[in-house]
Amino acid sequence: MQFSTITSLVGWAFQIEAVCLVAVQRYGEPSAGTGFAEFSAHDLKVQAAMVMLKINRLPAPERAVLWALHVQRETEMLYLTTVTPCKYGFRTDLDIIRKWATGSGPGCRELGDRAGASYRTLHRYEKTVIQVLEALMHKAYATLEGQHEALLMHLRYADRLTV
């Protein structure tokens, strides 16, 4: 079992953890494959659990970024507001984090109107918050990539990590 990148491995692990694997076989039909022919559904669950164990051992901000990005859980998004500047308030940072993680949220004009600042200022601030989130994301992926080299075809984050 190999994955092209660490992002695909982490996404797969979150997906396998979130779904219940059930195979229904009808009389007279061959059994359907799971996508990884050499592994049973139980083997896939165990492999995903091992990846999730390493994800859950990351430092809290890095772990929260991955959970927010892959599962879009509100609790992690709320936690991530503790690592952002909160210059224009908790709600503004939460909206920026939500927009980064899910792709939907208020624009810079609406955030600027709500904060009483120019939309250009809020656009620059949004870029600052996103830089913080992406630095945490890249650090988490680089750490996981080092731990899962055997499962990956292409190593990407270990070269780009600048701490």
N, C-alpha and C. Protein backbone atom coordinates (compact mmCIF):
# COMPACT_ATOMS: atom_id res chain seq x y z
N MET A 1 0.86 -1.17 0.00
CA MET A 1 0.00 0.00 0.00
C MET A 1 0.90 1.23 0.00
N GLN A 2 0.78 2.04 -1.06
CA GLN A 2 1.56 3.27 -1.15
C GLN A 2 0.66 4.42 -1.57
N PHE A 3 1.03 5.62 -1.11
CA PHE A 3 0.30 6.83 -1.44
C PHE A 3 1.24 7.80 -2.13
N SER A 4 0.68 8.65 -2.97
CA SER A 4 1.53 9.56 -3.74
C SER A 4 2.13 10.66 -2.87
N THR A 5 1.39 11.19 -1.92
CA THR A 5 1.89 12.26 -1.05
C THR A 5 1.39 12.04 0.37
N ILE A 6 1.96 12.79 1.29
CA ILE A 6 1.53 12.69 2.69
C ILE A 6 0.11 13.24 2.85
N THR A 7 -0.27 14.22 2.05
CA THR A 7 -1.64 14.75 2.16
C THR A 7 -2.66 13.70 1.76
N SER A 8 -2.34 12.88 0.75
CA SER A 8 -3.29 11.83 0.37
C SER A 8 -3.36 10.74 1.44
N LEU A 9 -2.23 10.42 2.07
CA LEU A 9 -2.23 9.43 3.15
C LEU A 9 -3.06 9.92 4.34
N VAL A 10 -2.84 11.16 4.74
CA VAL A 10 -3.59 11.71 5.89
C VAL A 10 -5.07 11.81 5.56
N GLY A 11 -5.40 12.28 4.36
CA GLY A 11 -6.81 12.35 3.94
C GLY A 11 -7.46 10.98 3.94
N TRP A 12 -6.73 9.97 3.45
CA TRP A 12 -7.25 8.60 3.44
C TRP A 12 -7.49 8.12 4.87
N ALA A 13 -6.55 8.38 5.77
CA ALA A 13 -6.69 7.92 7.15
C ALA A 13 -7.91 8.56 7.82
N PHE A 14 -8.12 9.86 7.60
CA PHE A 14 -9.30 10.52 8.17
C PHE A 14 -10.57 9.93 7.57
N GLN A 15 -10.56 9.64 6.27
CA GLN A 15 -11.75 9.09 5.62
C GLN A 15 -12.06 7.69 6.13
N ILE A 16 -11.05 6.85 6.25
CA ILE A 16 -11.27 5.48 6.73
C ILE A 16 -11.75 5.49 8.19
N GLU A 17 -11.21 6.40 9.00
CA GLU A 17 -11.63 6.49 10.39
C GLU A 17 -13.08 6.97 10.50
N ALA A 18 -13.52 7.76 9.54
CA ALA A 18 -14.85 8.37 9.63
C ALA A 18 -15.96 7.49 9.08
N VAL A 19 -15.63 6.49 8.26
CA VAL A 19 -16.67 5.68 7.64
C VAL A 19 -16.66 4.27 8.22
N CYS A 20 -17.78 3.63 8.08
CA CYS A 20 -17.90 2.23 8.48
C CYS A 20 -17.74 1.39 7.22
N LEU A 21 -16.76 0.52 7.21
CA LEU A 21 -16.50 -0.30 6.03
C LEU A 21 -17.39 -1.54 6.06
N VAL A 22 -18.31 -1.61 5.11
CA VAL A 22 -19.21 -2.75 5.01
C VAL A 22 -19.20 -3.22 3.57
N ALA A 23 -18.97 -4.48 3.37
CA ALA A 23 -19.01 -5.06 2.03
C ALA A 23 -20.23 -5.96 1.93
N VAL A 24 -21.05 -5.70 0.94
CA VAL A 24 -22.24 -6.50 0.72
C VAL A 24 -21.99 -7.36 -0.52
N GLN A 25 -22.12 -8.65 -0.36
CA GLN A 25 -21.91 -9.56 -1.48
C GLN A 25 -23.24 -10.22 -1.82
N ARG A 26 -23.57 -10.18 -3.09
CA ARG A 26 -24.81 -10.79 -3.55
C ARG A 26 -24.51 -12.18 -4.09
N TYR A 27 -25.50 -13.01 -4.05
CA TYR A 27 -25.35 -14.38 -4.50
C TYR A 27 -24.99 -14.41 -5.99
N GLY A 28 -23.94 -15.11 -6.31
CA GLY A 28 -23.54 -15.28 -7.71
C GLY A 28 -22.64 -14.19 -8.25
N GLU A 29 -22.36 -13.16 -7.49
CA GLU A 29 -21.48 -12.09 -7.94
C GLU A 29 -20.14 -12.19 -7.22
N PRO A 30 -19.07 -11.86 -7.93
CA PRO A 30 -17.77 -11.86 -7.24
C PRO A 30 -17.73 -10.75 -6.18
N SER A 31 -16.91 -10.96 -5.17
CA SER A 31 -16.83 -9.94 -4.12
C SER A 31 -16.18 -8.68 -4.66
N ALA A 32 -16.68 -7.55 -4.21
CA ALA A 32 -16.17 -6.26 -4.65
C ALA A 32 -14.86 -5.94 -3.94
N GLY A 33 -13.92 -5.36 -4.65
CA GLY A 33 -12.64 -4.98 -4.06
C GLY A 33 -12.76 -3.70 -3.26
N THR A 34 -11.81 -3.49 -2.35
CA THR A 34 -11.83 -2.29 -1.52
C THR A 34 -10.94 -1.20 -2.08
N GLY A 35 -10.32 -1.44 -3.22
CA GLY A 35 -9.37 -0.46 -3.76
C GLY A 35 -7.94 -0.88 -3.49
N PHE A 36 -7.72 -1.57 -2.39
CA PHE A 36 -6.43 -2.17 -2.06
C PHE A 36 -6.70 -3.67 -1.97
N ALA A 37 -6.52 -4.38 -3.08
CA ALA A 37 -6.94 -5.77 -3.20
C ALA A 37 -6.30 -6.69 -2.17
N GLU A 38 -5.05 -6.41 -1.79
CA GLU A 38 -4.36 -7.32 -0.87
C GLU A 38 -4.76 -7.11 0.59
N PHE A 39 -5.58 -6.12 0.89
CA PHE A 39 -5.96 -5.83 2.26
C PHE A 39 -7.45 -6.04 2.47
N SER A 40 -7.78 -6.59 3.62
CA SER A 40 -9.19 -6.69 3.99
C SER A 40 -9.64 -5.36 4.59
N ALA A 41 -10.94 -5.24 4.82
CA ALA A 41 -11.47 -4.02 5.43
C ALA A 41 -10.89 -3.82 6.82
N HIS A 42 -10.71 -4.90 7.54
CA HIS A 42 -10.11 -4.81 8.88
C HIS A 42 -8.67 -4.32 8.80
N ASP A 43 -7.91 -4.81 7.83
CA ASP A 43 -6.52 -4.38 7.66
C ASP A 43 -6.45 -2.89 7.34
N LEU A 44 -7.37 -2.41 6.53
CA LEU A 44 -7.41 -0.98 6.20
C LEU A 44 -7.70 -0.15 7.43
N LYS A 45 -8.64 -0.61 8.26
CA LYS A 45 -8.97 0.10 9.49
C LYS A 45 -7.77 0.15 10.44
N VAL A 46 -7.05 -0.94 10.54
CA VAL A 46 -5.89 -1.00 11.42
C VAL A 46 -4.79 -0.06 10.91
N GLN A 47 -4.55 -0.08 9.60
CA GLN A 47 -3.53 0.81 9.03
C GLN A 47 -3.91 2.27 9.25
N ALA A 48 -5.17 2.60 9.03
CA ALA A 48 -5.63 3.98 9.25
C ALA A 48 -5.51 4.36 10.72
N ALA A 49 -5.78 3.42 11.61
CA ALA A 49 -5.67 3.70 13.05
C ALA A 49 -4.21 3.99 13.43
N MET A 50 -3.26 3.30 12.79
CA MET A 50 -1.85 3.57 13.08
C MET A 50 -1.44 4.96 12.61
N VAL A 51 -1.96 5.37 11.45
CA VAL A 51 -1.68 6.72 10.95
C VAL A 51 -2.33 7.75 11.87
N MET A 52 -3.57 7.50 12.27
CA MET A 52 -4.26 8.43 13.16
C MET A 52 -3.59 8.53 14.52
N LEU A 53 -3.00 7.44 14.99
CA LEU A 53 -2.27 7.46 16.25
C LEU A 53 -1.11 8.44 16.17
N LYS A 54 -0.40 8.43 15.05
CA LYS A 54 0.72 9.35 14.88
C LYS A 54 0.23 10.79 14.70
N ILE A 55 -0.91 10.96 14.06
CA ILE A 55 -1.49 12.30 13.92
C ILE A 55 -1.87 12.84 15.30
N ASN A 56 -2.47 12.00 16.11
CA ASN A 56 -2.93 12.45 17.43
C ASN A 56 -1.79 12.62 18.43
N ARG A 57 -0.58 12.20 18.08
CA ARG A 57 0.58 12.44 18.93
C ARG A 57 1.32 13.72 18.56
N LEU A 58 0.88 14.41 17.53
CA LEU A 58 1.49 15.69 17.16
C LEU A 58 1.21 16.73 18.24
N PRO A 59 2.00 17.80 18.30
CA PRO A 59 1.66 18.89 19.22
C PRO A 59 0.26 19.44 18.92
N ALA A 60 -0.39 19.97 19.92
CA ALA A 60 -1.80 20.37 19.81
C ALA A 60 -2.10 21.31 18.64
N PRO A 61 -1.34 22.38 18.39
CA PRO A 61 -1.69 23.25 17.26
C PRO A 61 -1.59 22.55 15.91
N GLU A 62 -0.57 21.71 15.73
CA GLU A 62 -0.41 20.99 14.47
C GLU A 62 -1.52 19.97 14.28
N ARG A 63 -1.86 19.28 15.34
CA ARG A 63 -2.95 18.30 15.29
C ARG A 63 -4.28 19.00 14.98
N ALA A 64 -4.51 20.13 15.60
CA ALA A 64 -5.76 20.87 15.39
C ALA A 64 -5.87 21.35 13.94
N VAL A 65 -4.75 21.77 13.35
CA VAL A 65 -4.78 22.22 11.95
C VAL A 65 -5.21 21.07 11.04
N LEU A 66 -4.65 19.88 11.27
CA LEU A 66 -5.02 18.74 10.41
C LEU A 66 -6.48 18.33 10.60
N TRP A 67 -6.95 18.33 11.85
CA TRP A 67 -8.35 18.00 12.09
C TRP A 67 -9.27 19.05 11.47
N ALA A 68 -8.91 20.31 11.60
CA ALA A 68 -9.75 21.37 11.02
C ALA A 68 -9.75 21.28 9.50
N LEU A 69 -8.63 20.96 8.92
CA LEU A 69 -8.51 20.91 7.47
C LEU A 69 -9.20 19.70 6.87
N HIS A 70 -9.06 18.54 7.49
CA HIS A 70 -9.59 17.31 6.91
C HIS A 70 -11.00 16.96 7.37
N VAL A 71 -11.38 17.38 8.57
CA VAL A 71 -12.69 17.01 9.10
C VAL A 71 -13.61 18.22 9.29
N GLN A 72 -13.04 19.41 9.31
CA GLN A 72 -13.75 20.68 9.51
C GLN A 72 -14.51 20.69 10.84
N ARG A 73 -13.86 20.21 11.91
CA ARG A 73 -14.50 20.22 13.22
C ARG A 73 -14.37 21.60 13.85
N GLU A 74 -15.45 22.08 14.40
CA GLU A 74 -15.50 23.41 15.02
C GLU A 74 -14.60 23.50 16.25
N THR A 75 -14.48 22.43 17.02
CA THR A 75 -13.67 22.51 18.24
C THR A 75 -12.21 22.82 17.91
N GLU A 76 -11.70 22.23 16.84
CA GLU A 76 -10.32 22.52 16.45
C GLU A 76 -10.18 23.94 15.91
N MET A 77 -11.20 24.39 15.19
CA MET A 77 -11.16 25.76 14.68
C MET A 77 -11.18 26.76 15.83
N LEU A 78 -11.96 26.47 16.85
CA LEU A 78 -11.98 27.32 18.03
C LEU A 78 -10.63 27.31 18.72
N TYR A 79 -10.01 26.15 18.84
CA TYR A 79 -8.70 26.07 19.47
C TYR A 79 -7.66 26.86 18.68
N LEU A 80 -7.73 26.81 17.36
CA LEU A 80 -6.73 27.50 16.54
C LEU A 80 -6.77 29.02 16.71
N THR A 81 -7.86 29.55 17.22
CA THR A 81 -7.89 30.99 17.47
C THR A 81 -6.93 31.38 18.60
N THR A 82 -6.48 30.40 19.38
CA THR A 82 -5.52 30.71 20.44
C THR A 82 -4.10 30.89 19.91
N VAL A 83 -3.84 30.41 18.69
CA VAL A 83 -2.50 30.56 18.12
C VAL A 83 -2.45 31.66 17.06
N THR A 84 -3.58 32.30 16.79
CA THR A 84 -3.61 33.41 15.83
C THR A 84 -3.58 34.73 16.61
N PRO A 85 -3.25 35.83 15.94
CA PRO A 85 -3.08 37.12 16.65
C PRO A 85 -4.34 37.67 17.32
N CYS A 86 -5.53 37.39 16.78
CA CYS A 86 -6.80 37.93 17.31
C CYS A 86 -6.77 39.46 17.40
N LYS A 87 -6.18 40.09 16.42
CA LYS A 87 -6.07 41.55 16.41
C LYS A 87 -7.44 42.22 16.25
N TYR A 88 -8.32 41.60 15.49
CA TYR A 88 -9.65 42.17 15.25
C TYR A 88 -10.74 41.36 15.92
N GLY A 89 -10.38 40.57 16.89
CA GLY A 89 -11.37 39.83 17.66
C GLY A 89 -11.38 38.34 17.34
N PHE A 90 -11.90 37.62 18.29
CA PHE A 90 -11.99 36.17 18.21
C PHE A 90 -12.84 35.73 17.03
N ARG A 91 -13.96 36.38 16.84
CA ARG A 91 -14.90 35.98 15.78
C ARG A 91 -14.30 36.17 14.40
N THR A 92 -13.53 37.23 14.21
CA THR A 92 -12.90 37.47 12.92
C THR A 92 -11.89 36.38 12.61
N ASP A 93 -11.07 36.02 13.59
CA ASP A 93 -10.10 34.95 13.37
C ASP A 93 -10.79 33.62 13.12
N LEU A 94 -11.86 33.36 13.84
CA LEU A 94 -12.60 32.12 13.64
C LEU A 94 -13.18 32.06 12.22
N ASP A 95 -13.70 33.17 11.73
CA ASP A 95 -14.23 33.20 10.36
C ASP A 95 -13.13 32.99 9.33
N ILE A 96 -11.96 33.55 9.57
CA ILE A 96 -10.83 33.36 8.65
C ILE A 96 -10.37 31.90 8.66
N ILE A 97 -10.30 31.31 9.84
CA ILE A 97 -9.90 29.90 9.95
C ILE A 97 -10.93 29.01 9.27
N ARG A 98 -12.19 29.27 9.51
CA ARG A 98 -13.26 28.49 8.89
C ARG A 98 -13.21 28.60 7.36
N LYS A 99 -12.96 29.81 6.88
CA LYS A 99 -12.87 30.02 5.43
C LYS A 99 -11.67 29.27 4.86
N TRP A 100 -10.56 29.26 5.58
CA TRP A 100 -9.36 28.55 5.12
C TRP A 100 -9.59 27.04 5.10
N ALA A 101 -10.25 26.53 6.12
CA ALA A 101 -10.44 25.08 6.23
C ALA A 101 -11.55 24.55 5.34
N THR A 102 -12.64 25.28 5.21
CA THR A 102 -13.79 24.77 4.47
C THR A 102 -13.96 25.40 3.10
N GLY A 103 -13.39 26.57 2.90
CA GLY A 103 -13.55 27.25 1.61
C GLY A 103 -14.74 28.18 1.55
N SER A 104 -15.51 28.25 2.62
CA SER A 104 -16.66 29.15 2.62
C SER A 104 -16.64 30.00 3.89
N GLY A 105 -16.99 31.25 3.72
CA GLY A 105 -17.00 32.17 4.85
C GLY A 105 -17.13 33.59 4.36
N PRO A 106 -17.20 34.54 5.27
CA PRO A 106 -17.35 35.93 4.86
C PRO A 106 -16.09 36.45 4.17
N GLY A 107 -16.30 37.37 3.25
CA GLY A 107 -15.19 37.98 2.54
C GLY A 107 -14.55 39.10 3.33
N CYS A 108 -13.50 39.66 2.75
CA CYS A 108 -12.74 40.71 3.44
C CYS A 108 -13.58 41.97 3.65
N ARG A 109 -14.47 42.26 2.73
CA ARG A 109 -15.33 43.46 2.90
C ARG A 109 -16.24 43.31 4.10
N GLU A 110 -16.87 42.15 4.23
CA GLU A 110 -17.75 41.92 5.37
C GLU A 110 -16.97 41.93 6.68
N LEU A 111 -15.80 41.30 6.67
CA LEU A 111 -14.97 41.32 7.88
C LEU A 111 -14.51 42.74 8.21
N GLY A 112 -14.17 43.52 7.19
CA GLY A 112 -13.77 44.90 7.41
C GLY A 112 -14.90 45.75 7.96
N ASP A 113 -16.10 45.57 7.43
CA ASP A 113 -17.26 46.32 7.95
C ASP A 113 -17.53 45.96 9.41
N ARG A 114 -17.43 44.69 9.72
CA ARG A 114 -17.69 44.24 11.08
C ARG A 114 -16.63 44.73 12.07
N ALA A 115 -15.36 44.79 11.61
CA ALA A 115 -14.27 45.21 12.49
C ALA A 115 -14.06 46.72 12.48
N GLY A 116 -14.72 47.43 11.57
CA GLY A 116 -14.54 48.87 11.48
C GLY A 116 -13.21 49.26 10.87
N ALA A 117 -12.76 48.46 9.91
CA ALA A 117 -11.48 48.72 9.25
C ALA A 117 -11.65 48.55 7.75
N SER A 118 -10.66 48.96 7.01
CA SER A 118 -10.69 48.85 5.56
C SER A 118 -10.62 47.39 5.15
N TYR A 119 -11.24 47.07 4.01
CA TYR A 119 -11.19 45.70 3.53
C TYR A 119 -9.76 45.32 3.13
N ARG A 120 -8.98 46.30 2.73
CA ARG A 120 -7.57 46.03 2.38
C ARG A 120 -6.78 45.62 3.63
N THR A 121 -7.07 46.29 4.72
CA THR A 121 -6.41 45.96 5.98
C THR A 121 -6.77 44.55 6.41
N LEU A 122 -8.06 44.21 6.30
CA LEU A 122 -8.48 42.86 6.68
C LEU A 122 -7.95 41.82 5.71
N HIS A 123 -7.75 42.17 4.46
CA HIS A 123 -7.15 41.23 3.51
C HIS A 123 -5.71 40.91 3.92
N ARG A 124 -4.96 41.95 4.29
CA ARG A 124 -3.58 41.72 4.75
C ARG A 124 -3.57 40.91 6.05
N TYR A 125 -4.50 41.21 6.93
CA TYR A 125 -4.59 40.47 8.18
C TYR A 125 -4.98 39.01 7.92
N GLU A 126 -5.89 38.79 6.99
CA GLU A 126 -6.28 37.43 6.64
C GLU A 126 -5.08 36.63 6.12
N LYS A 127 -4.24 37.28 5.31
CA LYS A 127 -3.04 36.61 4.81
C LYS A 127 -2.09 36.26 5.96
N THR A 128 -2.00 37.12 6.97
CA THR A 128 -1.16 36.86 8.13
C THR A 128 -1.66 35.63 8.90
N VAL A 129 -2.97 35.56 9.12
CA VAL A 129 -3.54 34.43 9.84
C VAL A 129 -3.34 33.14 9.04
N ILE A 130 -3.53 33.21 7.75
CA ILE A 130 -3.36 32.02 6.91
C ILE A 130 -1.90 31.57 6.89
N GLN A 131 -0.97 32.50 6.95
CA GLN A 131 0.45 32.12 7.02
C GLN A 131 0.73 31.33 8.29
N VAL A 132 0.13 31.73 9.39
CA VAL A 132 0.31 31.00 10.66
C VAL A 132 -0.26 29.59 10.52
N LEU A 133 -1.46 29.48 9.96
CA LEU A 133 -2.09 28.17 9.80
C LEU A 133 -1.30 27.27 8.86
N GLU A 134 -0.85 27.82 7.76
CA GLU A 134 -0.12 27.00 6.79
C GLU A 134 1.27 26.60 7.31
N ALA A 135 1.89 27.44 8.12
CA ALA A 135 3.16 27.05 8.73
C ALA A 135 2.96 25.85 9.65
N LEU A 136 1.87 25.86 10.43
CA LEU A 136 1.56 24.73 11.29
C LEU A 136 1.24 23.48 10.46
N MET A 137 0.50 23.67 9.37
CA MET A 137 0.13 22.55 8.51
C MET A 137 1.38 21.92 7.88
N HIS A 138 2.29 22.75 7.35
CA HIS A 138 3.49 22.23 6.72
C HIS A 138 4.38 21.51 7.73
N LYS A 139 4.45 22.04 8.94
CA LYS A 139 5.25 21.40 9.99
C LYS A 139 4.67 20.03 10.35
N ALA A 140 3.34 19.96 10.44
CA ALA A 140 2.68 18.69 10.76
C ALA A 140 2.91 17.67 9.64
N TYR A 141 2.73 18.09 8.40
CA TYR A 141 2.94 17.17 7.28
C TYR A 141 4.40 16.72 7.20
N ALA A 142 5.34 17.61 7.46
CA ALA A 142 6.76 17.24 7.42
C ALA A 142 7.07 16.21 8.50
N THR A 143 6.52 16.38 9.67
CA THR A 143 6.74 15.42 10.75
C THR A 143 6.16 14.06 10.38
N LEU A 144 4.93 14.05 9.87
CA LEU A 144 4.29 12.79 9.50
C LEU A 144 4.98 12.13 8.32
N GLU A 145 5.48 12.93 7.40
CA GLU A 145 6.17 12.38 6.24
C GLU A 145 7.41 11.60 6.65
N GLY A 146 8.13 12.13 7.63
CA GLY A 146 9.30 11.42 8.12
C GLY A 146 8.95 10.09 8.77
N GLN A 147 7.77 10.02 9.39
CA GLN A 147 7.35 8.80 10.07
C GLN A 147 6.77 7.76 9.12
N HIS A 148 6.33 8.19 7.93
CA HIS A 148 5.64 7.29 7.00
C HIS A 148 6.35 7.18 5.66
N GLU A 149 7.67 7.24 5.65
CA GLU A 149 8.41 7.19 4.39
C GLU A 149 8.12 5.93 3.59
N ALA A 150 7.92 4.82 4.26
CA ALA A 150 7.70 3.55 3.57
C ALA A 150 6.38 3.53 2.80
N LEU A 151 5.40 4.32 3.21
CA LEU A 151 4.10 4.32 2.56
C LEU A 151 3.99 5.36 1.44
N LEU A 152 5.01 6.20 1.26
CA LEU A 152 4.91 7.31 0.32
C LEU A 152 5.80 7.12 -0.89
N MET A 153 5.29 7.54 -2.05
CA MET A 153 6.08 7.48 -3.28
C MET A 153 6.95 8.72 -3.44
N HIS A 154 6.43 9.87 -3.04
CA HIS A 154 7.15 11.14 -3.20
C HIS A 154 7.27 11.82 -1.85
N LEU A 155 8.49 12.20 -1.48
CA LEU A 155 8.72 12.97 -0.27
C LEU A 155 8.75 14.43 -0.65
N ARG A 156 8.04 15.26 0.07
CA ARG A 156 7.87 16.64 -0.35
C ARG A 156 8.12 17.64 0.77
N TYR A 157 7.62 17.37 1.94
CA TYR A 157 7.66 18.38 3.00
C TYR A 157 8.98 18.43 3.74
N ALA A 158 9.70 17.36 3.79
CA ALA A 158 10.95 17.34 4.54
C ALA A 158 11.95 18.34 3.95
N ASP A 159 11.90 18.56 2.64
CA ASP A 159 12.81 19.50 1.99
C ASP A 159 12.42 20.95 2.27
N ARG A 160 11.13 21.21 2.44
CA ARG A 160 10.64 22.58 2.55
C ARG A 160 10.54 23.09 3.97
N LEU A 161 10.76 22.24 4.95
CA LEU A 161 10.60 22.66 6.34
C LEU A 161 11.70 23.62 6.74
N THR A 162 11.30 24.82 7.14
CA THR A 162 12.25 25.82 7.62
C THR A 162 11.79 26.26 8.99
N VAL A 163 12.46 25.78 9.99
CA VAL A 163 12.07 26.10 11.37
C VAL A 163 13.12 26.95 11.99
